[in-house]
Protein backbone atom coordinates (compact mmCIF):
# COMPACT_ATOMS: atom_id res chain seq x y z
CA UNK A 1 54.18 18.72 44.93
CA UNK A 2 52.77 14.73 44.33
CA UNK A 3 54.96 12.20 42.49
CA UNK A 4 51.71 10.60 41.12
CA UNK A 5 50.32 13.70 39.89
CA UNK A 6 53.20 14.65 37.76
CA UNK A 7 53.30 10.94 36.63
CA UNK A 8 49.79 11.07 35.50
CA UNK A 9 50.18 14.38 33.34
CA UNK A 10 52.81 12.19 31.16
CA UNK A 11 50.01 9.42 30.80
CA UNK A 12 47.12 10.99 28.79
CA UNK A 13 47.72 9.18 25.43
CA UNK A 14 48.89 11.98 22.70
CA UNK A 15 52.26 10.90 22.17
CA UNK A 16 53.89 13.15 19.48
CA UNK A 17 51.68 16.29 19.57
CA UNK A 18 53.54 19.21 19.15
CA UNK A 19 53.05 22.89 20.13
CA UNK A 20 54.75 26.41 19.37
CA UNK A 21 55.02 28.98 21.51
CA UNK A 22 56.60 32.33 20.70
CA UNK A 23 57.12 35.98 22.25
CA UNK A 24 56.49 38.49 19.85
CA UNK A 25 57.71 42.40 19.86
CA UNK A 26 56.22 45.15 18.88
CA UNK A 27 57.65 47.84 17.11
CA UNK A 28 57.14 51.56 16.66
CA UNK A 29 55.65 51.83 13.07
CA UNK A 30 57.81 55.77 12.73
CA UNK A 31 60.93 54.71 14.54
CA UNK A 32 61.08 50.37 14.63
CA UNK A 33 62.24 50.81 18.32
CA UNK A 34 60.32 48.89 21.00
CA UNK A 35 56.84 50.08 21.43
CA UNK A 36 54.76 49.31 25.39
CA UNK A 37 51.46 48.88 23.12
CA UNK A 38 50.81 45.14 24.16
CA UNK A 39 48.02 46.05 26.37
CA UNK A 40 46.38 47.71 23.53
CA UNK A 41 46.78 45.02 21.01
CA UNK A 42 45.66 42.38 23.27
CA UNK A 43 42.15 44.44 23.64
CA UNK A 44 41.69 44.18 19.99
CA UNK A 45 41.77 40.74 20.11
CA UNK A 46 39.19 40.12 22.36
CA UNK A 47 40.19 37.40 24.67
CA UNK A 48 41.31 34.97 21.77
CA UNK A 49 43.17 32.31 23.98
CA UNK A 50 46.07 31.96 21.83
CA UNK A 51 47.88 35.51 22.73
CA UNK A 52 49.52 36.03 25.92
CA UNK A 53 50.68 39.25 27.91
CA UNK A 54 54.42 39.35 28.94
CA UNK A 55 56.10 41.12 31.32
CA UNK A 56 57.55 43.50 28.68
CA UNK A 57 54.88 46.05 27.77
CA UNK A 58 56.47 45.92 24.22
CA UNK A 59 55.80 41.96 24.16
CA UNK A 60 53.10 39.74 23.44
CA UNK A 61 52.98 35.69 23.18
CA UNK A 62 51.13 33.75 20.75
CA UNK A 63 50.56 30.16 22.26
CA UNK A 64 49.20 27.43 19.83
CA UNK A 65 47.55 24.17 20.43
CA UNK A 66 49.00 20.66 19.79
CA UNK A 67 48.91 19.77 16.18
CA UNK A 68 49.53 16.84 15.01
CA UNK A 69 53.08 17.76 13.30
CA UNK A 70 55.70 20.51 12.89
CA UNK A 71 53.81 21.89 9.92
CA UNK A 72 50.60 22.05 11.29
CA UNK A 73 51.72 23.79 13.64
CA UNK A 74 53.72 26.31 12.24
CA UNK A 75 50.55 26.75 9.37
CA UNK A 76 48.42 27.77 12.71
CA UNK A 77 51.24 30.28 13.97
CA UNK A 78 51.29 31.61 10.66
CA UNK A 79 47.84 32.28 10.91
CA UNK A 80 48.08 33.49 14.27
CA UNK A 81 50.69 35.86 13.49
CA UNK A 82 48.27 37.17 10.59
CA UNK A 83 45.54 37.81 12.60
CA UNK A 84 48.09 39.78 15.39
CA UNK A 85 48.75 41.81 12.59
CA UNK A 86 45.73 42.83 12.03
CA UNK A 87 45.12 43.43 15.48
CA UNK A 88 48.12 45.91 15.44
CA UNK A 89 47.52 47.96 12.87
CA UNK A 90 47.92 51.70 13.29
CA UNK A 91 49.02 50.66 16.77
CA UNK A 92 52.36 48.97 16.06
CA UNK A 93 54.55 46.57 13.34
CA UNK A 94 55.30 43.27 14.42
CA UNK A 95 58.87 41.20 14.67
CA UNK A 96 60.14 38.26 15.24
CA UNK A 97 63.97 38.13 16.78
CA UNK A 98 65.71 37.49 20.38
CA UNK A 99 66.88 40.85 21.15
CA UNK A 100 65.26 43.87 19.92
CA UNK A 101 68.57 45.17 17.58
CA UNK A 102 68.78 48.91 19.19
CA UNK A 103 65.85 49.53 21.59
CA UNK A 104 67.02 50.86 25.26
CA UNK A 105 67.93 48.00 27.62
CA UNK A 106 65.38 48.91 30.02
CA UNK A 107 62.15 48.95 28.91
CA UNK A 108 58.27 49.22 30.46
CA UNK A 109 56.88 46.41 32.04
CA UNK A 110 53.21 45.64 32.30
CA UNK A 111 50.64 46.43 34.43
CA UNK A 112 48.92 43.55 36.63
CA UNK A 113 49.50 42.05 39.80
CA UNK A 114 51.56 39.31 39.17
CA UNK A 115 53.92 41.81 36.84
CA UNK A 116 53.99 43.67 40.07
CA UNK A 117 55.20 41.30 41.84
CA UNK A 118 57.86 40.35 39.71
CA UNK A 119 58.91 44.09 39.39
CA UNK A 120 59.28 44.48 43.36
CA UNK A 121 61.41 41.02 43.27
CA UNK A 122 63.53 41.94 40.68
CA UNK A 123 63.95 45.40 40.40
CA UNK A 124 65.80 47.19 37.59
CA UNK A 125 66.50 43.40 36.40
CA UNK A 126 62.94 42.92 35.53
CA UNK A 127 62.79 45.87 32.97
CA UNK A 128 66.33 44.58 31.26
CA UNK A 129 64.34 41.10 30.45
CA UNK A 130 63.60 42.52 27.19
CA UNK A 131 64.06 38.89 25.29
CA UNK A 132 61.98 37.09 22.81
CA UNK A 133 62.12 33.48 22.86
CA UNK A 134 60.59 30.30 20.68
CA UNK A 135 59.26 27.69 23.03
CA UNK A 136 58.31 24.18 21.76
CA UNK A 137 56.17 21.48 23.61
CA UNK A 138 56.20 17.78 22.50
CA UNK A 139 54.07 15.41 24.20
CA UNK A 140 55.78 12.38 25.51
CA UNK A 141 53.68 9.61 26.30
CA UNK A 142 54.87 7.15 29.91
CA UNK A 143 56.33 9.20 32.19
CA UNK A 144 59.29 7.45 32.45
CA UNK A 145 60.23 7.90 28.80
CA UNK A 146 58.81 11.25 29.63
CA UNK A 147 61.93 11.89 32.14
CA UNK A 148 64.49 10.14 30.29
CA UNK A 149 64.40 12.18 27.57
CA UNK A 150 64.25 15.18 29.51
CA UNK A 151 67.25 14.35 31.01
CA UNK A 152 69.16 13.36 27.65
CA UNK A 153 67.89 16.47 25.57
CA UNK A 154 69.65 18.69 27.74
CA UNK A 155 72.92 17.97 26.30
CA UNK A 156 71.58 18.95 22.86
CA UNK A 157 70.35 22.30 24.00
CA UNK A 158 73.00 24.14 22.71
CA UNK A 159 72.38 22.42 19.21
CA UNK A 160 68.86 24.13 19.01
CA UNK A 161 70.53 27.63 20.41
CA UNK A 162 73.27 27.09 18.04
CA UNK A 163 70.67 27.06 14.90
CA UNK A 164 67.94 29.75 16.54
CA UNK A 165 70.84 32.23 17.18
CA UNK A 166 70.28 35.16 15.27
CA UNK A 167 70.53 38.54 17.67
CA UNK A 168 73.87 40.11 17.59
CA UNK A 169 73.10 43.44 18.56
CA UNK A 170 72.17 45.22 21.54
CA UNK A 171 71.53 48.63 22.51
CA UNK A 172 72.39 49.38 18.83
CA UNK A 173 75.94 47.56 18.83
CA UNK A 174 77.21 44.58 17.91
CA UNK A 175 77.53 42.69 20.84
CA UNK A 176 80.04 40.32 19.31
CA UNK A 177 77.10 37.38 20.41
CA UNK A 178 75.56 35.25 17.59
CA UNK A 179 72.76 35.98 20.08
CA UNK A 180 72.73 38.08 23.30
CA UNK A 181 69.54 36.79 24.63
CA UNK A 182 70.98 34.24 26.85
CA UNK A 183 72.93 36.74 28.77
CA UNK A 184 70.17 38.88 29.73
CA UNK A 185 68.21 35.83 30.55
CA UNK A 186 70.80 34.99 32.89
CA UNK A 187 70.18 38.11 34.96
CA UNK A 188 66.95 36.36 36.59
CA UNK A 189 67.48 32.64 38.45
CA UNK A 190 66.94 28.96 37.33
CA UNK A 191 68.18 30.16 33.90
CA UNK A 192 70.45 28.13 31.41
CA UNK A 193 70.87 24.37 31.44
CA UNK A 194 68.51 22.63 33.44
CA UNK A 195 69.36 20.13 36.29
CA UNK A 196 69.22 16.37 35.47
CA UNK A 197 66.48 14.26 37.71
CA UNK A 198 66.98 10.26 38.46
CA UNK A 199 63.51 9.85 39.42
CA UNK A 200 59.95 11.75 39.42
CA UNK A 201 60.37 11.78 43.38
CA UNK A 202 63.11 13.82 42.97
CA UNK A 203 61.71 16.02 40.40
CA UNK A 204 58.27 16.45 42.69
CA UNK A 205 60.70 17.14 45.89
CA UNK A 206 62.42 20.22 43.47
CA UNK A 207 59.09 21.59 42.66
CA UNK A 208 57.50 21.11 46.47
CA UNK A 209 60.92 23.16 47.47
CA UNK A 210 60.07 25.78 45.53
CA UNK A 211 56.83 26.00 46.16
CA UNK A 212 57.60 26.04 50.14
CA UNK A 213 60.01 28.95 49.30
CA UNK A 214 57.75 30.91 47.27
CA UNK A 215 60.72 30.69 44.34
CA UNK A 216 58.40 29.54 42.17
CA UNK A 217 55.30 28.87 43.44
CA UNK A 218 53.70 27.67 40.62
CA UNK A 219 55.88 24.58 39.89
CA UNK A 220 57.30 25.97 36.86
CA UNK A 221 60.99 27.69 36.31
CA UNK A 222 62.80 29.09 33.59
CA UNK A 223 65.11 27.07 32.75
CA UNK A 224 66.22 26.05 29.35
CA UNK A 225 63.96 23.01 29.14
CA UNK A 226 61.32 21.56 31.86
CA UNK A 227 58.82 19.31 32.22
CA UNK A 228 55.51 20.76 32.29
CA UNK A 229 53.23 19.92 35.08
CA UNK A 230 50.01 21.57 33.47
CA UNK A 231 50.59 20.26 29.89
CA UNK A 232 52.08 17.30 30.52
CA UNK A 233 54.47 18.25 27.62
CA UNK A 234 58.63 18.45 27.59
CA UNK A 235 59.38 22.20 26.77
CA UNK A 236 61.90 23.45 25.50
CA UNK A 237 62.79 27.20 25.58
CA UNK A 238 66.03 27.60 24.36
CA UNK A 239 65.61 29.18 21.33
CA UNK A 240 65.38 32.89 20.28
CA UNK A 241 62.50 34.03 18.72
CA UNK A 242 62.32 33.78 14.68
CA UNK A 243 62.18 35.99 11.97
CA UNK A 244 59.31 33.71 10.22
CA UNK A 245 57.45 30.98 11.40
CA UNK A 246 59.26 28.77 8.45
CA UNK A 247 62.23 29.28 10.67
CA UNK A 248 60.39 28.68 13.88
CA UNK A 249 59.31 25.12 12.56
CA UNK A 250 62.72 24.28 11.15
CA UNK A 251 63.76 24.63 14.96
CA UNK A 252 61.04 22.73 16.22
CA UNK A 253 61.42 19.86 13.71
CA UNK A 254 64.82 19.19 15.08
CA UNK A 255 63.51 19.01 18.66
CA UNK A 256 60.49 17.54 17.74
CA UNK A 257 62.59 14.71 15.79
CA UNK A 258 65.55 14.72 18.58
CA UNK A 259 62.22 13.83 20.80
CA UNK A 260 61.41 10.92 18.92
CA UNK A 261 64.20 9.85 18.58
CA UNK A 262 65.80 9.74 22.45
CA UNK A 263 62.81 8.19 23.15
CA UNK A 264 63.12 5.30 20.83
CA UNK A 265 66.85 4.71 22.61
CA UNK A 266 64.93 4.83 26.08
CA UNK A 267 62.53 2.21 24.92
CA UNK A 268 66.03 0.23 23.47
CA UNK A 269 67.83 1.01 26.44
CA UNK A 270 70.71 2.88 24.80
CA UNK A 271 70.31 6.12 26.64
CA UNK A 272 74.00 7.42 28.58
CA UNK A 273 73.27 8.71 31.56
CA UNK A 274 72.50 12.36 31.53
CA UNK A 275 75.56 14.49 31.38
CA UNK A 276 76.62 17.47 33.89
CA UNK A 277 75.13 20.46 33.75
CA UNK A 278 79.09 22.60 33.96
CA UNK A 279 79.85 20.51 31.04
CA UNK A 280 76.86 21.26 28.42
CA UNK A 281 77.32 24.62 29.49
CA UNK A 282 80.64 25.11 27.65
CA UNK A 283 78.84 23.79 24.56
CA UNK A 284 76.12 26.93 25.65
CA UNK A 285 78.39 29.49 26.17
CA UNK A 286 80.15 28.44 22.40
CA UNK A 287 76.48 28.73 21.02
CA UNK A 288 75.72 31.80 22.40
CA UNK A 289 79.25 33.48 21.54
CA UNK A 290 79.52 31.85 18.12
CA UNK A 291 76.51 29.83 16.56
CA UNK A 292 77.15 27.17 14.56
CA UNK A 293 80.59 29.13 13.76
CA UNK A 294 82.00 27.95 16.71
CA UNK A 295 83.72 24.34 18.53
CA UNK A 296 81.90 21.50 20.48
CA UNK A 297 83.47 19.93 23.11
CA UNK A 298 81.77 16.34 23.37
CA UNK A 299 80.32 15.94 27.35
CA UNK A 300 81.88 12.78 27.62
CA UNK A 301 85.41 12.05 26.28
CA UNK A 302 86.08 15.95 25.92
CA UNK A 303 87.10 15.52 22.09
CA UNK A 304 86.71 19.35 20.13
CA UNK A 305 85.28 19.81 17.16
CA UNK A 306 83.52 22.30 14.59
CA UNK A 307 80.24 23.14 15.95
CA UNK A 308 78.61 22.62 12.27
CA UNK A 309 80.73 19.43 12.13
CA UNK A 310 78.80 17.92 15.22
CA UNK A 311 74.97 19.18 14.31
CA UNK A 312 75.63 18.32 10.80
CA UNK A 313 76.12 14.83 12.18
CA UNK A 314 73.41 14.76 14.91
CA UNK A 315 70.86 16.17 11.70
CA UNK A 316 71.61 13.20 9.88
CA UNK A 317 70.69 10.95 12.40
CA UNK A 318 67.43 12.50 13.04
CA UNK A 319 66.40 11.94 9.13
CA UNK A 320 64.73 8.93 9.72
CA UNK A 321 62.57 10.18 12.62
CA UNK A 322 61.88 13.63 11.07
CA UNK A 323 60.35 11.36 8.06
CA UNK A 324 58.13 9.38 10.59
CA UNK A 325 57.16 12.83 11.93
CA UNK A 326 56.21 14.68 8.18
CA UNK A 327 58.86 17.59 9.48
CA UNK A 328 61.56 16.28 6.51
CA UNK A 329 61.17 19.48 4.70
CA UNK A 330 61.51 21.60 7.77
CA UNK A 331 64.44 19.43 8.91
CA UNK A 332 66.26 19.91 6.03
CA UNK A 333 65.56 23.65 6.13
CA UNK A 334 67.63 23.61 9.49
CA UNK A 335 70.32 21.55 8.42
CA UNK A 336 70.68 24.82 6.23
CA UNK A 337 71.52 27.25 8.46
CA UNK A 338 74.65 25.89 8.91
CA UNK A 339 75.96 27.37 5.66
CA UNK A 340 74.07 30.08 6.07
CA UNK A 341 73.63 31.00 9.62
CA UNK A 342 70.81 34.04 10.54
CA UNK A 343 73.28 35.44 13.31
CA UNK A 344 75.67 36.62 10.30
CA UNK A 345 72.80 37.65 7.70
CA UNK A 346 71.65 39.79 10.76
CA UNK A 347 74.90 41.46 10.99
CA UNK A 348 75.04 42.20 7.24
CA UNK A 349 72.04 44.44 7.67
CA UNK A 350 72.92 46.52 10.78
CA UNK A 351 70.65 47.62 13.54
CA UNK A 352 68.15 49.30 12.13
CA UNK A 353 68.15 47.76 9.33
CA UNK A 354 67.86 44.56 11.22
CA UNK A 355 64.72 45.52 12.57
CA UNK A 356 63.01 47.20 9.20
CA UNK A 357 63.35 43.69 7.65
CA UNK A 358 61.81 41.67 11.03
CA UNK A 359 58.70 43.80 10.51
CA UNK A 360 58.41 43.75 7.03
CA UNK A 361 59.12 40.05 6.61
CA UNK A 362 57.19 38.98 9.64
CA UNK A 363 54.43 37.12 7.64
CA UNK A 364 57.08 35.53 5.30
CA UNK A 365 56.40 31.78 4.61
CA UNK A 366 60.62 31.19 3.72
CA UNK A 367 62.17 30.27 6.66
CA UNK A 368 64.88 33.12 6.68
CA UNK A 369 64.62 36.80 4.71
CA UNK A 370 66.68 36.79 1.62
CA UNK A 371 70.34 38.14 1.34
CA UNK A 372 69.25 41.28 -0.14
CA UNK A 373 66.18 41.75 2.18
CA UNK A 374 68.79 41.39 5.21
CA UNK A 375 71.38 43.95 3.77
CA UNK A 376 69.00 46.83 3.53
CA UNK A 377 71.21 50.06 4.30
CA UNK A 378 71.71 50.94 7.76
CA UNK A 379 69.55 54.09 8.53
CA UNK A 380 71.80 54.74 11.98
């Protein structure tokens, strides 16, 4: 991989745009279990480029175009959700969460050469990738700025994971985790906290090694953040898919404002050296286990405090950037999750009640279904 070509991808003059991608689940209208009908739904969408297949046959992706702001990206995402619901009528209901609350752990896979190769390489692990994520792309002008923001945002990935954690159930049982999705993802290689890179030459060598080894020949990987060599964006991939587009917007606002703030600190020469991945991983575990209710360990000093306290302080620091980026309301919605965590609301519903709620509120414009909706009586 040519490092000059990589640098050029991040010198395109569209700083500040944001794009949202979400992996969504198809639910059987009668049982609310996962149903492997993505191909049939996508056929009805007639090649609309916003909709793409994924490895699980019960999953498809909505890939939004770059927008000038988080509210605009969320509005486009809601339009796409509405179109998907129309296409799925009579075939499936739709839902957004990190993991289906009671489906079997092994699922059917999509057909096609690409997916056949994944099935062959990853065997039963491929069938366990019934995990659904929210991906946020932010354009950052200037290759050195983009690389610096990528290195710096790594230590904040557990913040986004904790705020987005909303999948405590697995195969019908409470996993004890705020989100079980990261543990499913870890069954594959190149997951979790991404490596830091001192220079674009190092990044290019890493991608070149992956291509030569045929490990990731498309010059991409599955870590929870990456510099996307095709789109020229910083892509943050750490959060669960969300029940509503407003929930997705809340997390996107955190990411957008954080990227803006870190970029400004880079410009001012104020960024610290990248944190070590193994230290960040301690906070990653706490985010998966406890969501916002855990403990946060400073990756440099080792100081420990409540995750809520750390995130609350960070979000206050992001308020000026969010105001400039027109996503102050969405950032405030993210802050509200500190006192009303989605993973705790999900537990109130039970596995079947949660699946019903996800389908019922898929097109809601509010951030999180109300307590009464989440606490629907469990049917199983």
